[in-house]
N, C-alpha and C. Protein backbone atom coordinates (compact mmCIF):
# COMPACT_ATOMS: atom_id res chain seq x y z
N UNK A 1 34.57 -44.86 24.93
CA UNK A 1 34.63 -44.18 23.66
C UNK A 1 33.24 -44.07 23.04
N UNK A 2 32.45 -45.16 23.10
CA UNK A 2 31.11 -45.13 22.53
C UNK A 2 30.21 -44.16 23.30
N UNK A 3 30.37 -44.07 24.59
CA UNK A 3 29.54 -43.19 25.42
C UNK A 3 29.83 -41.72 25.07
N UNK A 4 31.11 -41.38 24.84
CA UNK A 4 31.47 -40.02 24.50
C UNK A 4 30.89 -39.63 23.14
N UNK A 5 30.93 -40.52 22.16
CA UNK A 5 30.38 -40.26 20.83
C UNK A 5 28.86 -40.08 20.92
N UNK A 6 28.20 -40.90 21.74
CA UNK A 6 26.76 -40.80 21.92
C UNK A 6 26.40 -39.47 22.56
N UNK A 7 27.17 -39.02 23.55
CA UNK A 7 26.92 -37.75 24.23
C UNK A 7 27.12 -36.59 23.26
N UNK A 8 28.15 -36.62 22.44
CA UNK A 8 28.40 -35.57 21.46
C UNK A 8 27.27 -35.51 20.44
N UNK A 9 26.84 -36.68 19.98
CA UNK A 9 25.74 -36.75 19.02
C UNK A 9 24.47 -36.18 19.64
N UNK A 10 24.19 -36.51 20.88
CA UNK A 10 23.00 -36.00 21.58
C UNK A 10 23.05 -34.50 21.74
N UNK A 11 24.23 -33.97 22.06
CA UNK A 11 24.37 -32.53 22.23
C UNK A 11 24.12 -31.80 20.90
N UNK A 12 24.63 -32.33 19.81
CA UNK A 12 24.42 -31.73 18.50
C UNK A 12 22.94 -31.79 18.12
N UNK A 13 22.30 -32.91 18.41
CA UNK A 13 20.88 -33.06 18.10
C UNK A 13 20.04 -32.06 18.90
N UNK A 14 20.31 -31.90 20.17
CA UNK A 14 19.56 -30.96 21.01
C UNK A 14 19.81 -29.52 20.54
N UNK A 15 21.04 -29.20 20.24
CA UNK A 15 21.37 -27.86 19.77
C UNK A 15 20.66 -27.55 18.45
N UNK A 16 20.61 -28.51 17.55
CA UNK A 16 19.91 -28.32 16.27
C UNK A 16 18.43 -28.07 16.50
N UNK A 17 17.83 -28.80 17.41
CA UNK A 17 16.40 -28.60 17.70
C UNK A 17 16.15 -27.21 18.28
N UNK A 18 17.02 -26.73 19.15
CA UNK A 18 16.85 -25.41 19.74
C UNK A 18 16.95 -24.32 18.66
N UNK A 19 17.92 -24.45 17.77
CA UNK A 19 18.08 -23.47 16.69
C UNK A 19 16.85 -23.48 15.78
N UNK A 20 16.36 -24.66 15.44
CA UNK A 20 15.19 -24.78 14.57
C UNK A 20 13.96 -24.16 15.22
N UNK A 21 13.74 -24.41 16.49
CA UNK A 21 12.59 -23.84 17.19
C UNK A 21 12.70 -22.32 17.30
N UNK A 22 13.88 -21.82 17.55
CA UNK A 22 14.09 -20.37 17.63
C UNK A 22 13.80 -19.71 16.29
N UNK A 23 14.28 -20.30 15.21
CA UNK A 23 14.04 -19.77 13.87
C UNK A 23 12.55 -19.78 13.55
N UNK A 24 11.85 -20.86 13.87
CA UNK A 24 10.42 -20.98 13.61
C UNK A 24 9.64 -19.93 14.39
N UNK A 25 10.00 -19.71 15.65
CA UNK A 25 9.31 -18.71 16.47
C UNK A 25 9.55 -17.31 15.92
N UNK A 26 10.75 -17.04 15.45
CA UNK A 26 11.05 -15.72 14.88
C UNK A 26 10.24 -15.48 13.61
N UNK A 27 10.09 -16.51 12.78
CA UNK A 27 9.31 -16.37 11.55
C UNK A 27 7.84 -16.14 11.87
N UNK A 28 7.33 -16.79 12.90
CA UNK A 28 5.92 -16.64 13.27
C UNK A 28 5.63 -15.23 13.77
N UNK A 29 6.61 -14.57 14.39
CA UNK A 29 6.40 -13.24 14.92
C UNK A 29 6.66 -12.15 13.89
N UNK A 30 7.19 -12.50 12.73
CA UNK A 30 7.50 -11.51 11.70
C UNK A 30 6.19 -10.87 11.23
N UNK A 31 6.17 -9.54 11.21
CA UNK A 31 4.97 -8.81 10.83
C UNK A 31 4.86 -8.73 9.31
N UNK A 32 3.65 -8.64 8.86
CA UNK A 32 3.39 -8.45 7.44
C UNK A 32 3.80 -7.03 7.06
N UNK A 33 4.18 -6.82 5.82
CA UNK A 33 4.53 -5.48 5.39
C UNK A 33 3.30 -4.68 4.98
N UNK A 34 2.13 -5.28 5.03
CA UNK A 34 0.91 -4.60 4.62
C UNK A 34 0.09 -4.14 5.83
N UNK A 35 -0.33 -2.89 5.81
CA UNK A 35 -1.15 -2.33 6.88
C UNK A 35 -2.49 -3.06 6.94
N UNK A 36 -3.04 -3.43 5.79
CA UNK A 36 -4.35 -4.08 5.76
C UNK A 36 -4.32 -5.48 6.39
N UNK A 37 -3.15 -6.03 6.64
CA UNK A 37 -3.06 -7.32 7.30
C UNK A 37 -3.05 -7.19 8.82
N UNK A 38 -2.99 -5.97 9.32
CA UNK A 38 -3.01 -5.72 10.76
C UNK A 38 -4.43 -5.96 11.30
N UNK A 39 -4.55 -6.30 12.59
CA UNK A 39 -5.89 -6.55 13.16
C UNK A 39 -6.82 -5.34 13.12
N UNK A 40 -6.28 -4.11 13.33
CA UNK A 40 -7.10 -2.91 13.33
C UNK A 40 -6.36 -1.80 12.58
N UNK A 41 -6.40 -1.82 11.24
CA UNK A 41 -5.65 -0.82 10.46
C UNK A 41 -6.05 0.62 10.77
N UNK A 42 -7.31 0.86 11.10
CA UNK A 42 -7.77 2.23 11.38
C UNK A 42 -7.07 2.83 12.60
N UNK A 43 -6.58 1.98 13.50
CA UNK A 43 -5.89 2.49 14.69
C UNK A 43 -4.53 3.09 14.32
N UNK A 44 -4.04 2.84 13.10
CA UNK A 44 -2.76 3.39 12.65
C UNK A 44 -2.93 4.77 12.02
N UNK A 45 -4.18 5.24 11.90
CA UNK A 45 -4.43 6.56 11.31
C UNK A 45 -4.19 7.65 12.34
N UNK A 46 -3.39 8.63 11.95
CA UNK A 46 -3.08 9.78 12.80
C UNK A 46 -3.26 11.04 11.98
N UNK A 47 -3.11 12.19 12.63
CA UNK A 47 -3.20 13.45 11.89
C UNK A 47 -2.08 13.55 10.86
N UNK A 48 -0.95 12.91 11.12
CA UNK A 48 0.20 12.99 10.21
C UNK A 48 0.03 12.16 8.93
N UNK A 49 -0.90 11.17 8.93
CA UNK A 49 -1.08 10.36 7.72
C UNK A 49 -2.52 10.38 7.20
N UNK A 50 -3.32 11.33 7.69
CA UNK A 50 -4.70 11.48 7.21
C UNK A 50 -4.74 12.62 6.20
N UNK A 51 -5.32 12.34 5.06
CA UNK A 51 -5.35 13.29 3.94
C UNK A 51 -6.74 13.88 3.79
N UNK A 52 -6.80 15.20 3.60
CA UNK A 52 -8.08 15.87 3.37
C UNK A 52 -8.91 16.00 4.63
N UNK A 53 -10.09 16.61 4.44
CA UNK A 53 -11.03 16.78 5.55
C UNK A 53 -12.41 17.01 4.95
N UNK A 54 -13.38 17.29 5.79
CA UNK A 54 -14.74 17.53 5.29
C UNK A 54 -14.78 18.79 4.42
N UNK A 55 -13.88 19.74 4.68
CA UNK A 55 -13.89 20.99 3.93
C UNK A 55 -12.79 21.09 2.87
N UNK A 56 -11.80 20.20 2.92
CA UNK A 56 -10.69 20.25 1.95
C UNK A 56 -10.50 18.87 1.32
N UNK A 57 -10.37 18.81 -0.01
CA UNK A 57 -10.18 17.50 -0.65
C UNK A 57 -8.79 16.93 -0.38
N UNK A 58 -8.67 15.63 -0.54
CA UNK A 58 -7.39 14.94 -0.48
C UNK A 58 -6.90 14.81 -1.92
N UNK A 59 -5.72 15.31 -2.20
CA UNK A 59 -5.15 15.22 -3.54
C UNK A 59 -4.10 14.11 -3.54
N UNK A 60 -4.21 13.21 -4.51
CA UNK A 60 -3.28 12.08 -4.62
C UNK A 60 -2.60 12.17 -5.98
N UNK A 61 -1.28 12.28 -5.96
CA UNK A 61 -0.48 12.45 -7.18
C UNK A 61 0.12 11.12 -7.61
N UNK A 62 -0.20 10.69 -8.82
CA UNK A 62 0.33 9.43 -9.37
C UNK A 62 1.34 9.80 -10.45
N UNK A 63 2.58 9.39 -10.27
CA UNK A 63 3.63 9.72 -11.22
C UNK A 63 4.32 8.47 -11.72
N UNK A 64 4.99 8.63 -12.83
CA UNK A 64 5.76 7.51 -13.38
C UNK A 64 7.23 7.81 -13.13
N UNK A 65 7.94 6.82 -12.66
CA UNK A 65 9.37 6.95 -12.40
C UNK A 65 10.06 5.73 -12.99
N UNK A 66 10.66 5.88 -14.13
CA UNK A 66 11.31 4.75 -14.79
C UNK A 66 10.27 3.74 -15.22
N UNK A 67 10.40 2.52 -14.74
CA UNK A 67 9.44 1.48 -15.13
C UNK A 67 8.41 1.21 -14.04
N UNK A 68 8.31 2.10 -13.05
CA UNK A 68 7.32 1.90 -11.99
C UNK A 68 6.50 3.18 -11.81
N UNK A 69 5.50 3.08 -10.97
CA UNK A 69 4.68 4.25 -10.68
C UNK A 69 4.71 4.52 -9.19
N UNK A 70 4.47 5.77 -8.84
CA UNK A 70 4.45 6.19 -7.44
C UNK A 70 3.14 6.88 -7.13
N UNK A 71 2.63 6.64 -5.94
CA UNK A 71 1.42 7.28 -5.46
C UNK A 71 1.80 8.08 -4.23
N UNK A 72 1.47 9.38 -4.24
CA UNK A 72 1.86 10.24 -3.12
C UNK A 72 0.66 11.07 -2.68
N UNK A 73 0.17 10.85 -1.46
CA UNK A 73 -0.96 11.64 -0.97
C UNK A 73 -0.53 13.07 -0.64
N UNK A 74 -1.46 13.99 -0.69
CA UNK A 74 -1.19 15.40 -0.38
C UNK A 74 -1.10 15.64 1.11
N UNK A 75 -0.09 15.06 1.72
CA UNK A 75 0.17 15.18 3.15
C UNK A 75 1.59 15.74 3.28
N UNK A 76 1.84 16.69 4.19
CA UNK A 76 3.21 17.17 4.36
C UNK A 76 4.16 16.01 4.69
N UNK A 77 5.31 16.03 4.05
CA UNK A 77 6.37 15.01 4.24
C UNK A 77 5.96 13.60 3.82
N UNK A 78 4.97 13.48 2.97
CA UNK A 78 4.52 12.15 2.51
C UNK A 78 5.61 11.51 1.66
N UNK A 79 5.67 10.20 1.74
CA UNK A 79 6.60 9.43 0.93
C UNK A 79 5.81 8.71 -0.17
N UNK A 80 6.50 8.36 -1.24
CA UNK A 80 5.86 7.62 -2.32
C UNK A 80 5.35 6.28 -1.81
N UNK A 81 4.15 5.93 -2.20
CA UNK A 81 3.51 4.64 -1.93
C UNK A 81 3.30 4.34 -0.45
N UNK A 82 3.29 5.36 0.39
CA UNK A 82 2.98 5.13 1.80
C UNK A 82 1.47 4.96 1.95
N UNK A 83 1.07 4.23 2.98
CA UNK A 83 -0.37 4.12 3.22
C UNK A 83 -0.85 5.45 3.79
N UNK A 84 -2.10 5.77 3.51
CA UNK A 84 -2.67 6.98 4.07
C UNK A 84 -4.13 6.74 4.42
N UNK A 85 -4.68 7.65 5.19
CA UNK A 85 -6.05 7.52 5.66
C UNK A 85 -6.89 8.69 5.14
N UNK A 86 -8.17 8.41 4.96
CA UNK A 86 -9.14 9.41 4.51
C UNK A 86 -10.42 9.15 5.31
N UNK A 87 -11.07 10.22 5.74
CA UNK A 87 -12.34 10.05 6.43
C UNK A 87 -13.45 9.85 5.41
N UNK A 88 -14.41 8.99 5.74
CA UNK A 88 -15.56 8.77 4.85
C UNK A 88 -16.24 10.10 4.57
N UNK A 89 -16.64 10.30 3.33
CA UNK A 89 -17.28 11.55 2.92
C UNK A 89 -16.31 12.56 2.33
N UNK A 90 -15.00 12.32 2.47
CA UNK A 90 -13.99 13.24 1.93
C UNK A 90 -13.88 13.06 0.43
N UNK A 91 -13.76 14.16 -0.30
CA UNK A 91 -13.51 14.10 -1.74
C UNK A 91 -12.03 13.82 -1.95
N UNK A 92 -11.74 12.84 -2.80
CA UNK A 92 -10.36 12.49 -3.14
C UNK A 92 -10.15 12.82 -4.62
N UNK A 93 -9.14 13.64 -4.89
CA UNK A 93 -8.82 14.05 -6.25
C UNK A 93 -7.56 13.29 -6.69
N UNK A 94 -7.73 12.39 -7.64
CA UNK A 94 -6.62 11.63 -8.20
C UNK A 94 -6.09 12.41 -9.40
N UNK A 95 -4.78 12.61 -9.46
CA UNK A 95 -4.19 13.43 -10.52
C UNK A 95 -2.74 13.02 -10.74
N UNK A 96 -2.12 13.59 -11.76
CA UNK A 96 -0.70 13.41 -11.97
C UNK A 96 -0.06 14.76 -12.21
N UNK A 97 1.14 14.94 -11.67
CA UNK A 97 1.88 16.17 -11.90
C UNK A 97 2.82 16.05 -13.09
N UNK A 98 2.88 14.86 -13.71
CA UNK A 98 3.70 14.64 -14.91
C UNK A 98 2.92 15.06 -16.15
N UNK A 99 3.59 15.79 -17.05
CA UNK A 99 2.96 16.17 -18.32
C UNK A 99 2.89 14.94 -19.23
N UNK A 100 1.88 14.90 -20.06
CA UNK A 100 1.69 13.82 -21.05
C UNK A 100 1.69 12.44 -20.42
N UNK A 101 1.15 12.34 -19.23
CA UNK A 101 1.09 11.07 -18.51
C UNK A 101 -0.35 10.75 -18.17
N UNK A 102 -0.70 9.49 -18.33
CA UNK A 102 -2.02 9.02 -17.92
C UNK A 102 -1.85 8.14 -16.70
N UNK A 103 -2.93 7.87 -16.01
CA UNK A 103 -2.88 6.98 -14.85
C UNK A 103 -4.16 6.19 -14.74
N UNK A 104 -4.06 5.09 -14.03
CA UNK A 104 -5.23 4.25 -13.77
C UNK A 104 -5.11 3.69 -12.36
N UNK A 105 -6.20 3.75 -11.61
CA UNK A 105 -6.27 3.22 -10.25
C UNK A 105 -7.44 2.26 -10.20
N UNK A 106 -7.19 1.06 -9.69
CA UNK A 106 -8.26 0.07 -9.62
C UNK A 106 -8.28 -0.59 -8.24
N UNK A 107 -9.47 -0.62 -7.67
CA UNK A 107 -9.68 -1.28 -6.39
C UNK A 107 -10.31 -2.65 -6.58
N UNK A 108 -10.41 -3.10 -7.79
CA UNK A 108 -11.03 -4.40 -8.06
C UNK A 108 -12.53 -4.32 -7.92
N UNK A 109 -13.12 -5.36 -7.38
CA UNK A 109 -14.58 -5.43 -7.29
C UNK A 109 -15.16 -4.69 -6.10
N UNK A 110 -14.32 -4.25 -5.15
CA UNK A 110 -14.86 -3.60 -3.95
C UNK A 110 -14.31 -2.20 -3.75
N UNK A 111 -14.52 -1.33 -4.74
CA UNK A 111 -14.05 0.04 -4.63
C UNK A 111 -14.78 0.76 -3.50
N UNK A 112 -14.03 1.49 -2.67
CA UNK A 112 -14.66 2.22 -1.57
C UNK A 112 -15.16 3.61 -1.98
N UNK A 113 -15.06 3.94 -3.27
CA UNK A 113 -15.40 5.29 -3.71
C UNK A 113 -16.71 5.34 -4.48
N UNK A 114 -17.27 6.54 -4.50
CA UNK A 114 -18.49 6.79 -5.25
C UNK A 114 -18.13 7.80 -6.34
N UNK A 115 -18.26 7.47 -7.61
CA UNK A 115 -18.69 6.20 -8.18
C UNK A 115 -17.60 5.13 -8.03
N UNK A 116 -18.02 3.88 -8.17
CA UNK A 116 -17.08 2.78 -7.92
C UNK A 116 -16.43 2.23 -9.19
N UNK A 117 -16.31 3.05 -10.21
CA UNK A 117 -15.65 2.66 -11.46
C UNK A 117 -14.13 2.76 -11.30
N UNK A 118 -13.38 2.11 -12.19
CA UNK A 118 -11.92 2.32 -12.17
C UNK A 118 -11.63 3.80 -12.39
N UNK A 119 -10.58 4.30 -11.78
CA UNK A 119 -10.23 5.71 -11.86
C UNK A 119 -9.19 5.87 -12.96
N UNK A 120 -9.56 6.56 -14.03
CA UNK A 120 -8.68 6.74 -15.18
C UNK A 120 -8.59 8.23 -15.49
N UNK A 121 -7.38 8.76 -15.51
CA UNK A 121 -7.20 10.18 -15.77
C UNK A 121 -5.86 10.46 -16.40
N UNK A 122 -5.47 11.72 -16.40
CA UNK A 122 -4.20 12.10 -17.00
C UNK A 122 -3.77 13.48 -16.59
N UNK A 123 -2.71 13.96 -17.26
CA UNK A 123 -2.14 15.26 -16.94
C UNK A 123 -3.14 16.40 -17.02
N UNK A 124 -4.09 16.31 -17.90
CA UNK A 124 -5.10 17.37 -18.03
C UNK A 124 -6.48 16.90 -17.57
N UNK A 125 -6.55 15.75 -16.91
CA UNK A 125 -7.84 15.24 -16.44
C UNK A 125 -7.71 14.65 -15.04
N UNK A 126 -8.06 15.47 -14.06
CA UNK A 126 -8.11 14.98 -12.68
C UNK A 126 -9.43 14.25 -12.49
N UNK A 127 -9.44 13.29 -11.57
CA UNK A 127 -10.67 12.54 -11.31
C UNK A 127 -11.02 12.69 -9.83
N UNK A 128 -12.23 13.20 -9.56
CA UNK A 128 -12.70 13.38 -8.19
C UNK A 128 -13.71 12.31 -7.84
N UNK A 129 -13.51 11.68 -6.70
CA UNK A 129 -14.44 10.68 -6.18
C UNK A 129 -14.65 10.96 -4.70
N UNK A 130 -15.69 10.40 -4.15
CA UNK A 130 -15.98 10.60 -2.72
C UNK A 130 -15.74 9.29 -1.97
N UNK A 131 -14.99 9.38 -0.86
CA UNK A 131 -14.71 8.21 -0.03
C UNK A 131 -16.02 7.74 0.60
N UNK A 132 -16.33 6.46 0.40
CA UNK A 132 -17.60 5.95 0.89
C UNK A 132 -17.47 4.92 1.98
N UNK A 133 -17.12 3.71 1.63
CA UNK A 133 -17.15 2.57 2.54
C UNK A 133 -15.89 2.49 3.41
N UNK A 134 -16.04 2.61 4.74
CA UNK A 134 -14.87 2.49 5.62
C UNK A 134 -14.23 1.11 5.52
N UNK A 135 -12.93 1.06 5.69
CA UNK A 135 -12.18 -0.19 5.65
C UNK A 135 -10.77 0.05 5.17
N UNK A 136 -10.02 -1.03 5.03
CA UNK A 136 -8.65 -0.96 4.55
C UNK A 136 -8.61 -1.57 3.15
N UNK A 137 -7.97 -0.88 2.22
CA UNK A 137 -7.99 -1.30 0.83
C UNK A 137 -6.59 -1.31 0.23
N UNK A 138 -6.25 -2.39 -0.45
CA UNK A 138 -5.06 -2.46 -1.29
C UNK A 138 -5.56 -2.16 -2.71
N UNK A 139 -4.79 -1.42 -3.47
CA UNK A 139 -5.23 -1.10 -4.82
C UNK A 139 -4.04 -1.09 -5.77
N UNK A 140 -4.35 -1.13 -7.04
CA UNK A 140 -3.33 -1.08 -8.09
C UNK A 140 -3.33 0.31 -8.69
N UNK A 141 -2.14 0.86 -8.86
CA UNK A 141 -2.01 2.17 -9.50
C UNK A 141 -0.89 2.09 -10.52
N UNK A 142 -1.16 2.58 -11.71
CA UNK A 142 -0.16 2.57 -12.76
C UNK A 142 -0.19 3.88 -13.53
N UNK A 143 0.94 4.22 -14.13
CA UNK A 143 1.04 5.44 -14.93
C UNK A 143 1.63 5.08 -16.28
N UNK A 144 1.29 5.87 -17.29
CA UNK A 144 1.80 5.59 -18.63
C UNK A 144 1.98 6.89 -19.39
N UNK A 145 2.95 6.91 -20.30
CA UNK A 145 3.18 8.06 -21.17
C UNK A 145 2.36 7.89 -22.43
N UNK A 146 1.83 8.96 -22.91
CA UNK A 146 1.05 8.93 -24.13
C UNK A 146 1.94 8.49 -25.29
N UNK A 147 1.52 7.45 -26.01
CA UNK A 147 2.26 6.95 -27.16
C UNK A 147 3.51 6.16 -26.82
N UNK A 148 3.67 5.77 -25.55
CA UNK A 148 4.86 5.03 -25.15
C UNK A 148 4.89 3.66 -25.80
N UNK A 149 6.05 3.22 -26.18
CA UNK A 149 6.21 1.92 -26.83
C UNK A 149 5.90 0.78 -25.88
N UNK A 150 6.30 0.92 -24.63
CA UNK A 150 6.16 -0.18 -23.69
C UNK A 150 4.93 -0.09 -22.80
N UNK A 151 4.09 0.88 -23.02
CA UNK A 151 2.82 0.96 -22.30
C UNK A 151 2.94 1.38 -20.85
N UNK A 152 2.07 0.80 -20.04
CA UNK A 152 1.95 1.21 -18.65
C UNK A 152 3.14 0.75 -17.82
N UNK A 153 3.47 1.55 -16.83
CA UNK A 153 4.56 1.22 -15.92
C UNK A 153 4.14 0.07 -15.02
N UNK A 154 5.12 -0.51 -14.39
CA UNK A 154 4.81 -1.52 -13.37
C UNK A 154 4.03 -0.85 -12.27
N UNK A 155 2.92 -1.41 -11.92
CA UNK A 155 2.07 -0.79 -10.92
C UNK A 155 2.63 -0.89 -9.52
N UNK A 156 2.18 -0.01 -8.69
CA UNK A 156 2.53 -0.07 -7.28
C UNK A 156 1.33 -0.66 -6.54
N UNK A 157 1.54 -1.13 -5.33
CA UNK A 157 0.48 -1.73 -4.52
C UNK A 157 0.31 -0.98 -3.21
N UNK A 158 -0.07 0.30 -3.29
CA UNK A 158 -0.26 1.06 -2.05
C UNK A 158 -1.54 0.65 -1.32
N UNK A 159 -1.69 1.21 -0.13
CA UNK A 159 -2.86 0.91 0.69
C UNK A 159 -3.51 2.20 1.16
N UNK A 160 -4.79 2.10 1.43
CA UNK A 160 -5.59 3.24 1.83
C UNK A 160 -6.57 2.78 2.91
N UNK A 161 -6.70 3.56 3.98
CA UNK A 161 -7.65 3.25 5.03
C UNK A 161 -8.71 4.35 5.04
N UNK A 162 -9.97 3.95 4.93
CA UNK A 162 -11.07 4.91 5.05
C UNK A 162 -11.69 4.71 6.43
N UNK A 163 -11.66 5.78 7.21
CA UNK A 163 -12.18 5.70 8.58
C UNK A 163 -13.56 6.34 8.62
N UNK A 164 -14.43 5.85 9.51
CA UNK A 164 -15.78 6.41 9.60
C UNK A 164 -15.79 7.86 10.04
């Protein structure tokens, strides 16, 4: 009787260890949801997600939707807040298609654009900057209605890759 109980206990212990190791391995292989956490983000740039060119500017539309903001690059079939790529030297025009809406885009201390100031504009004020420093960038983008009681919307955390 004691031998059978010991064997059952051992089997449960071994099974628990196998489940724990499998779960740990699965968590270690889970990919980050951020493109900038990938080893080579520029390798994810294709013609389908690259905005603008040397002869045509990249237009980025920042809109407010409820209590959040959306960033949509001027790429066919683009989705809100998707990552996109821009070649260095391309002019990027930040704008909003919402009337009476302002927006702000901040890259923190390492803006890849020239000039490297925070990008602040609105429905009647587009802001043009030139893509400068290649790399992958996470940035904050927010939109707000003029005179709104609650101020700026919850920002989104989109990503941008500037390729050489």
